[in-house]
Amino acid sequence: MAIPANAAGNGQSLVLTLLDHLEEWLIAALMATATVVIFVAVLHRYASGLPVPALQDWLLSVNLSWAQELTIYLFVWMAKFGAAYGVRTGIHVGVDVLVNRLDEKRRRGFILFGLLAGAVFTGLIAAFGADFVWELSDTSSTSEVLEVPIWIVYLAIPLGSALMCFRFLQVAWRFARGGELPAHDHAHVEGLVDDAAEGRQ
């Protein structure tokens, strides 16, 4: 039974939409978790110095030495997946003064070359990272404080780089087909226009 072209396209669009949301939710969850951990650790350190005998004794008995290590790992994961998000939304800083001065044909060529070069580079990082993680998984190495298997920490490299490679290819494909590049308006605040419009009504 043949699948209609529009049905296949809708299926692909649904998968990409789910991937986009999963990417955003993961970044938001990592950022929120890191923020909460940092807040609790700072509050704990401050409150531990208060001259309240019972409270101070209890706070000093609570071990939060793992908070700094966990926060570092959360930010590493957030940075790797945030880089992929940056490619998709066009928020990475780029120097395109010379490229934009070229004629349309050469400009398109340079942009496609840059996107494909990014895909190749991040693809290589994903491949080498996966090999590195595979080797680490055969060892008993753990993180210093949390004592989680260290390969789980480094898993951010192949996963984040693979997603970034996919995003480069996705942007390159869309640009090759329609000449469209993701553009980010740095002055735009998500939801602010809608809220302002509702306020005027």
C-alpha atoms as a PDB file:
ATOM      1  CA  MET A   1       0.000   0.000   0.000  1.00  0.00           C
ATOM      2  CA  ALA A   2       1.482   3.320  -1.086  1.00  0.00           C
ATOM      3  CA  ILE A   3       1.690   6.161   1.435  1.00  0.00           C
ATOM      4  CA  PRO A   4       0.482   9.520   0.089  1.00  0.00           C
ATOM      5  CA  ALA A   5       3.263  12.062  -0.310  1.00  0.00           C
ATOM      6  CA  ASN A   6       1.519  14.577   1.950  1.00  0.00           C
ATOM      7  CA  ALA A   7       1.022  11.912   4.650  1.00  0.00           C
ATOM      8  CA  ALA A   8       4.716  11.079   4.582  1.00  0.00           C
ATOM      9  CA  GLY A   9       5.532  14.784   4.748  1.00  0.00           C
ATOM     10  CA  ASN A  10       3.178  15.270   7.688  1.00  0.00           C
ATOM     11  CA  GLY A  11       4.788  12.323   9.452  1.00  0.00           C
ATOM     12  CA  GLN A  12       8.253  13.787   8.958  1.00  0.00           C
ATOM     13  CA  SER A  13       7.001  17.190  10.099  1.00  0.00           C
ATOM     14  CA  LEU A  14       5.519  15.632  13.251  1.00  0.00           C
ATOM     15  CA  VAL A  15       8.783  13.839  14.055  1.00  0.00           C
ATOM     16  CA  LEU A  16      10.780  17.059  13.573  1.00  0.00           C
ATOM     17  CA  THR A  17       8.317  19.008  15.705  1.00  0.00           C
ATOM     18  CA  LEU A  18       8.595  16.431  18.489  1.00  0.00           C
ATOM     19  CA  LEU A  19      12.395  16.552  18.212  1.00  0.00           C
ATOM     20  CA  ASP A  20      12.324  20.356  18.419  1.00  0.00           C
ATOM     21  CA  HIS A  21      10.143  20.253  21.546  1.00  0.00           C
ATOM     22  CA  LEU A  22      12.229  17.498  23.138  1.00  0.00           C
ATOM     23  CA  GLU A  23      15.359  19.567  22.530  1.00  0.00           C
ATOM     24  CA  GLU A  24      13.802  22.653  24.102  1.00  0.00           C
ATOM     25  CA  TRP A  25      12.358  20.731  27.068  1.00  0.00           C
ATOM     26  CA  LEU A  26      15.699  19.056  27.748  1.00  0.00           C
ATOM     27  CA  ILE A  27      17.585  22.361  27.720  1.00  0.00           C
ATOM     28  CA  ALA A  28      14.957  23.990  29.934  1.00  0.00           C
ATOM     29  CA  ALA A  29      14.998  21.052  32.376  1.00  0.00           C
ATOM     30  CA  LEU A  30      18.801  21.085  32.613  1.00  0.00           C
ATOM     31  CA  MET A  31      18.839  24.842  33.152  1.00  0.00           C
ATOM     32  CA  ALA A  32      16.079  24.715  35.767  1.00  0.00           C
ATOM     33  CA  THR A  33      17.755  21.859  37.637  1.00  0.00           C
ATOM     34  CA  ALA A  34      21.120  23.638  37.665  1.00  0.00           C
ATOM     35  CA  THR A  35      19.481  26.830  38.916  1.00  0.00           C
ATOM     36  CA  VAL A  36      17.693  25.032  41.757  1.00  0.00           C
ATOM     37  CA  VAL A  37      20.840  23.127  42.785  1.00  0.00           C
ATOM     38  CA  ILE A  38      22.930  26.317  42.828  1.00  0.00           C
ATOM     39  CA  PHE A  39      20.257  28.198  44.788  1.00  0.00           C
ATOM     40  CA  VAL A  40      19.956  25.451  47.410  1.00  0.00           C
ATOM     41  CA  ALA A  41      23.767  25.139  47.733  1.00  0.00           C
ATOM     42  CA  VAL A  42      24.253  28.896  48.200  1.00  0.00           C
ATOM     43  CA  LEU A  43      21.357  29.105  50.660  1.00  0.00           C
ATOM     44  CA  HIS A  44      22.774  26.132  52.572  1.00  0.00           C
ATOM     45  CA  ARG A  45      26.234  27.709  52.763  1.00  0.00           C
ATOM     46  CA  TYR A  46      24.815  31.036  53.946  1.00  0.00           C
ATOM     47  CA  ALA A  47      22.441  29.530  56.498  1.00  0.00           C
ATOM     48  CA  SER A  48      25.178  27.248  57.868  1.00  0.00           C
ATOM     49  CA  GLY A  49      27.012  30.338  59.109  1.00  0.00           C
ATOM     50  CA  LEU A  50      24.073  31.633  61.110  1.00  0.00           C
ATOM     51  CA  PRO A  51      24.614  31.405  64.896  1.00  0.00           C
ATOM     52  CA  VAL A  52      21.527  29.268  65.529  1.00  0.00           C
ATOM     53  CA  PRO A  53      22.765  26.146  67.397  1.00  0.00           C
ATOM     54  CA  ALA A  54      20.151  23.560  66.419  1.00  0.00           C
ATOM     55  CA  LEU A  55      19.733  24.839  62.855  1.00  0.00           C
ATOM     56  CA  GLN A  56      23.466  25.213  62.320  1.00  0.00           C
ATOM     57  CA  ASP A  57      24.197  21.688  63.580  1.00  0.00           C
ATOM     58  CA  TRP A  58      21.539  20.231  61.290  1.00  0.00           C
ATOM     59  CA  LEU A  59      22.711  22.184  58.231  1.00  0.00           C
ATOM     60  CA  LEU A  60      26.339  21.184  58.817  1.00  0.00           C
ATOM     61  CA  SER A  61      25.240  17.558  58.909  1.00  0.00           C
ATOM     62  CA  VAL A  62      23.708  17.923  55.426  1.00  0.00           C
ATOM     63  CA  ASN A  63      26.342  17.110  52.807  1.00  0.00           C
ATOM     64  CA  LEU A  64      25.992  19.173  49.623  1.00  0.00           C
ATOM     65  CA  SER A  65      29.529  18.649  48.347  1.00  0.00           C
ATOM     66  CA  TRP A  66      28.050  17.021  45.251  1.00  0.00           C
ATOM     67  CA  ALA A  67      26.195  20.191  44.179  1.00  0.00           C
ATOM     68  CA  GLN A  68      29.147  21.816  42.393  1.00  0.00           C
ATOM     69  CA  GLU A  69      30.018  18.687  40.436  1.00  0.00           C
ATOM     70  CA  LEU A  70      26.409  18.090  39.425  1.00  0.00           C
ATOM     71  CA  THR A  71      26.031  21.714  38.308  1.00  0.00           C
ATOM     72  CA  ILE A  72      29.137  21.454  36.110  1.00  0.00           C
ATOM     73  CA  TYR A  73      27.790  18.312  34.428  1.00  0.00           C
ATOM     74  CA  LEU A  74      24.369  19.886  33.925  1.00  0.00           C
ATOM     75  CA  PHE A  75      25.945  22.898  32.234  1.00  0.00           C
ATOM     76  CA  VAL A  76      28.082  20.662  30.004  1.00  0.00           C
ATOM     77  CA  TRP A  77      24.984  18.800  28.804  1.00  0.00           C
ATOM     78  CA  MET A  78      23.073  22.059  28.438  1.00  0.00           C
ATOM     79  CA  ALA A  79      25.880  23.593  26.367  1.00  0.00           C
ATOM     80  CA  LYS A  80      26.084  20.620  23.978  1.00  0.00           C
ATOM     81  CA  PHE A  81      22.347  20.516  23.294  1.00  0.00           C
ATOM     82  CA  GLY A  82      22.101  24.298  23.388  1.00  0.00           C
ATOM     83  CA  ALA A  83      24.644  24.464  20.561  1.00  0.00           C
ATOM     84  CA  ALA A  84      22.373  22.282  18.412  1.00  0.00           C
ATOM     85  CA  TYR A  85      19.437  24.527  19.299  1.00  0.00           C
ATOM     86  CA  GLY A  86      21.546  27.506  18.261  1.00  0.00           C
ATOM     87  CA  VAL A  87      22.163  26.044  14.806  1.00  0.00           C
ATOM     88  CA  ARG A  88      18.450  25.385  14.321  1.00  0.00           C
ATOM     89  CA  THR A  89      17.351  28.865  15.376  1.00  0.00           C
ATOM     90  CA  GLY A  90      20.269  30.857  13.945  1.00  0.00           C
ATOM     91  CA  ILE A  91      21.444  32.396  17.219  1.00  0.00           C
ATOM     92  CA  HIS A  92      25.138  31.555  16.778  1.00  0.00           C
ATOM     93  CA  VAL A  93      27.350  34.548  16.076  1.00  0.00           C
ATOM     94  CA  GLY A  94      28.595  34.639  12.494  1.00  0.00           C
ATOM     95  CA  VAL A  95      30.792  36.984  10.466  1.00  0.00           C
ATOM     96  CA  ASP A  96      29.148  37.283   7.059  1.00  0.00           C
ATOM     97  CA  VAL A  97      30.137  40.787   5.920  1.00  0.00           C
ATOM     98  CA  LEU A  98      32.294  39.512   3.053  1.00  0.00           C
ATOM     99  CA  VAL A  99      29.922  36.682   2.123  1.00  0.00           C
ATOM    100  CA  ASN A 100      26.975  39.057   1.800  1.00  0.00           C
ATOM    101  CA  ARG A 101      28.963  41.224  -0.628  1.00  0.00           C
ATOM    102  CA  LEU A 102      29.275  38.338  -3.108  1.00  0.00           C
ATOM    103  CA  ASP A 103      26.859  37.742  -5.958  1.00  0.00           C
ATOM    104  CA  GLU A 104      23.935  35.427  -5.183  1.00  0.00           C
ATOM    105  CA  LYS A 105      25.450  32.286  -6.712  1.00  0.00           C
ATOM    106  CA  ARG A 106      28.760  32.561  -4.866  1.00  0.00           C
ATOM    107  CA  ARG A 107      27.026  33.600  -1.671  1.00  0.00           C
ATOM    108  CA  ARG A 108      24.858  30.477  -1.757  1.00  0.00           C
ATOM    109  CA  GLY A 109      27.938  28.367  -2.420  1.00  0.00           C
ATOM    110  CA  PHE A 110      29.870  29.788   0.520  1.00  0.00           C
ATOM    111  CA  ILE A 111      26.915  29.423   2.869  1.00  0.00           C
ATOM    112  CA  LEU A 112      26.318  25.810   1.828  1.00  0.00           C
ATOM    113  CA  PHE A 113      30.029  25.066   2.199  1.00  0.00           C
ATOM    114  CA  GLY A 114      30.002  26.526   5.719  1.00  0.00           C
ATOM    115  CA  LEU A 115      26.926  24.536   6.743  1.00  0.00           C
ATOM    116  CA  LEU A 116      28.270  21.281   5.314  1.00  0.00           C
ATOM    117  CA  ALA A 117      31.673  21.908   6.908  1.00  0.00           C
ATOM    118  CA  GLY A 118      29.902  22.331  10.244  1.00  0.00           C
ATOM    119  CA  ALA A 119      28.040  19.065   9.644  1.00  0.00           C
ATOM    120  CA  VAL A 120      31.260  17.207   8.818  1.00  0.00           C
ATOM    121  CA  PHE A 121      33.086  18.620  11.849  1.00  0.00           C
ATOM    122  CA  THR A 122      30.300  17.867  14.334  1.00  0.00           C
ATOM    123  CA  GLY A 123      29.770  14.454  12.719  1.00  0.00           C
ATOM    124  CA  LEU A 124      33.434  13.614  13.307  1.00  0.00           C
ATOM    125  CA  ILE A 125      33.206  14.814  16.917  1.00  0.00           C
ATOM    126  CA  ALA A 126      30.109  12.627  17.386  1.00  0.00           C
ATOM    127  CA  ALA A 127      31.897   9.576  15.917  1.00  0.00           C
ATOM    128  CA  PHE A 128      35.100  10.057  17.918  1.00  0.00           C
ATOM    129  CA  GLY A 129      33.068  10.893  21.020  1.00  0.00           C
ATOM    130  CA  ALA A 130      30.994   7.730  20.656  1.00  0.00           C
ATOM    131  CA  ASP A 131      34.179   5.664  20.350  1.00  0.00           C
ATOM    132  CA  PHE A 132      35.621   7.375  23.431  1.00  0.00           C
ATOM    133  CA  VAL A 133      32.448   6.751  25.450  1.00  0.00           C
ATOM    134  CA  TRP A 134      32.399   3.106  24.318  1.00  0.00           C
ATOM    135  CA  GLU A 135      35.942   2.666  25.632  1.00  0.00           C
ATOM    136  CA  LEU A 136      35.059   4.386  28.915  1.00  0.00           C
ATOM    137  CA  SER A 137      32.040   2.110  29.389  1.00  0.00           C
ATOM    138  CA  ASP A 138      34.430  -0.852  29.724  1.00  0.00           C
ATOM    139  CA  THR A 139      36.179   0.797  32.670  1.00  0.00           C
ATOM    140  CA  SER A 140      35.119   1.298  36.261  1.00  0.00           C
ATOM    141  CA  SER A 141      35.848   5.037  36.218  1.00  0.00           C
ATOM    142  CA  THR A 142      33.393   7.168  38.144  1.00  0.00           C
ATOM    143  CA  SER A 143      33.050  10.859  38.880  1.00  0.00           C
ATOM    144  CA  GLU A 144      34.900  12.127  41.923  1.00  0.00           C
ATOM    145  CA  VAL A 145      31.993  13.101  44.200  1.00  0.00           C
ATOM    146  CA  LEU A 146      28.772  11.726  42.733  1.00  0.00           C
ATOM    147  CA  GLU A 147      30.477   8.469  41.765  1.00  0.00           C
ATOM    148  CA  VAL A 148      28.340   8.029  38.647  1.00  0.00           C
ATOM    149  CA  PRO A 149      29.938   6.095  35.772  1.00  0.00           C
ATOM    150  CA  ILE A 150      32.082   8.648  33.940  1.00  0.00           C
ATOM    151  CA  TRP A 151      30.901   7.452  30.516  1.00  0.00           C
ATOM    152  CA  ILE A 152      27.434   8.815  31.328  1.00  0.00           C
ATOM    153  CA  VAL A 153      28.938  12.272  31.830  1.00  0.00           C
ATOM    154  CA  TYR A 154      30.861  12.119  28.541  1.00  0.00           C
ATOM    155  CA  LEU A 155      27.809  10.807  26.680  1.00  0.00           C
ATOM    156  CA  ALA A 156      26.873  14.452  26.158  1.00  0.00           C
ATOM    157  CA  ILE A 157      29.650  14.737  23.545  1.00  0.00           C
ATOM    158  CA  PRO A 158      28.426  12.188  20.964  1.00  0.00           C
ATOM    159  CA  LEU A 159      24.733  12.865  21.575  1.00  0.00           C
ATOM    160  CA  GLY A 160      24.990  16.648  21.443  1.00  0.00           C
ATOM    161  CA  SER A 161      27.389  16.606  18.487  1.00  0.00           C
ATOM    162  CA  ALA A 162      25.200  14.168  16.541  1.00  0.00           C
ATOM    163  CA  LEU A 163      22.177  16.404  17.069  1.00  0.00           C
ATOM    164  CA  MET A 164      24.225  19.434  16.039  1.00  0.00           C
ATOM    165  CA  CYS A 165      25.347  17.597  12.886  1.00  0.00           C
ATOM    166  CA  PHE A 166      21.719  16.819  12.076  1.00  0.00           C
ATOM    167  CA  ARG A 167      20.770  20.469  12.584  1.00  0.00           C
ATOM    168  CA  PHE A 168      23.523  21.613  10.216  1.00  0.00           C
ATOM    169  CA  LEU A 169      22.254  19.184   7.572  1.00  0.00           C
ATOM    170  CA  GLN A 170      18.659  20.275   8.193  1.00  0.00           C
ATOM    171  CA  VAL A 171      19.522  23.956   7.744  1.00  0.00           C
ATOM    172  CA  ALA A 172      21.658  23.172   4.670  1.00  0.00           C
ATOM    173  CA  TRP A 173      18.810  21.185   3.079  1.00  0.00           C
ATOM    174  CA  ARG A 174      16.285  23.958   3.644  1.00  0.00           C
ATOM    175  CA  PHE A 175      18.708  26.577   2.339  1.00  0.00           C
ATOM    176  CA  ALA A 176      19.507  24.519  -0.767  1.00  0.00           C
ATOM    177  CA  ARG A 177      15.801  24.065  -1.514  1.00  0.00           C
ATOM    178  CA  GLY A 178      14.424  27.507  -0.738  1.00  0.00           C
ATOM    179  CA  GLY A 179      17.314  29.802   0.130  1.00  0.00           C
ATOM    180  CA  GLU A 180      15.991  30.171   3.680  1.00  0.00           C
ATOM    181  CA  LEU A 181      18.296  30.506   6.672  1.00  0.00           C
ATOM    182  CA  PRO A 182      17.152  30.573  10.307  1.00  0.00           C
ATOM    183  CA  ALA A 183      17.285  34.128  11.623  1.00  0.00           C
ATOM    184  CA  HIS A 184      17.040  35.154  15.249  1.00  0.00           C
ATOM    185  CA  ASP A 185      15.751  38.565  16.262  1.00  0.00           C
ATOM    186  CA  HIS A 186      17.768  39.422  19.370  1.00  0.00           C
ATOM    187  CA  ALA A 187      15.305  42.194  20.263  1.00  0.00           C
ATOM    188  CA  HIS A 188      12.356  39.781  20.248  1.00  0.00           C
ATOM    189  CA  VAL A 189      11.113  38.402  23.564  1.00  0.00           C
ATOM    190  CA  GLU A 190       8.999  35.239  23.260  1.00  0.00           C
ATOM    191  CA  GLY A 191       5.360  35.920  24.137  1.00  0.00           C
ATOM    192  CA  LEU A 192       5.868  39.634  24.763  1.00  0.00           C
ATOM    193  CA  VAL A 193       4.098  40.746  21.575  1.00  0.00           C
ATOM    194  CA  ASP A 194       1.135  38.472  22.282  1.00  0.00           C
ATOM    195  CA  ASP A 195       0.882  39.694  25.888  1.00  0.00           C
ATOM    196  CA  ALA A 196       1.048  43.319  24.751  1.00  0.00           C
ATOM    197  CA  ALA A 197      -1.647  42.730  22.148  1.00  0.00           C
ATOM    198  CA  GLU A 198      -3.928  41.111  24.752  1.00  0.00           C
ATOM    199  CA  GLY A 199      -3.319  44.043  27.096  1.00  0.00           C
ATOM    200  CA  ARG A 200      -4.474  46.531  24.463  1.00  0.00           C
ATOM    201  CA  GLN A 201      -7.724  44.648  23.877  1.00  0.00           C
END
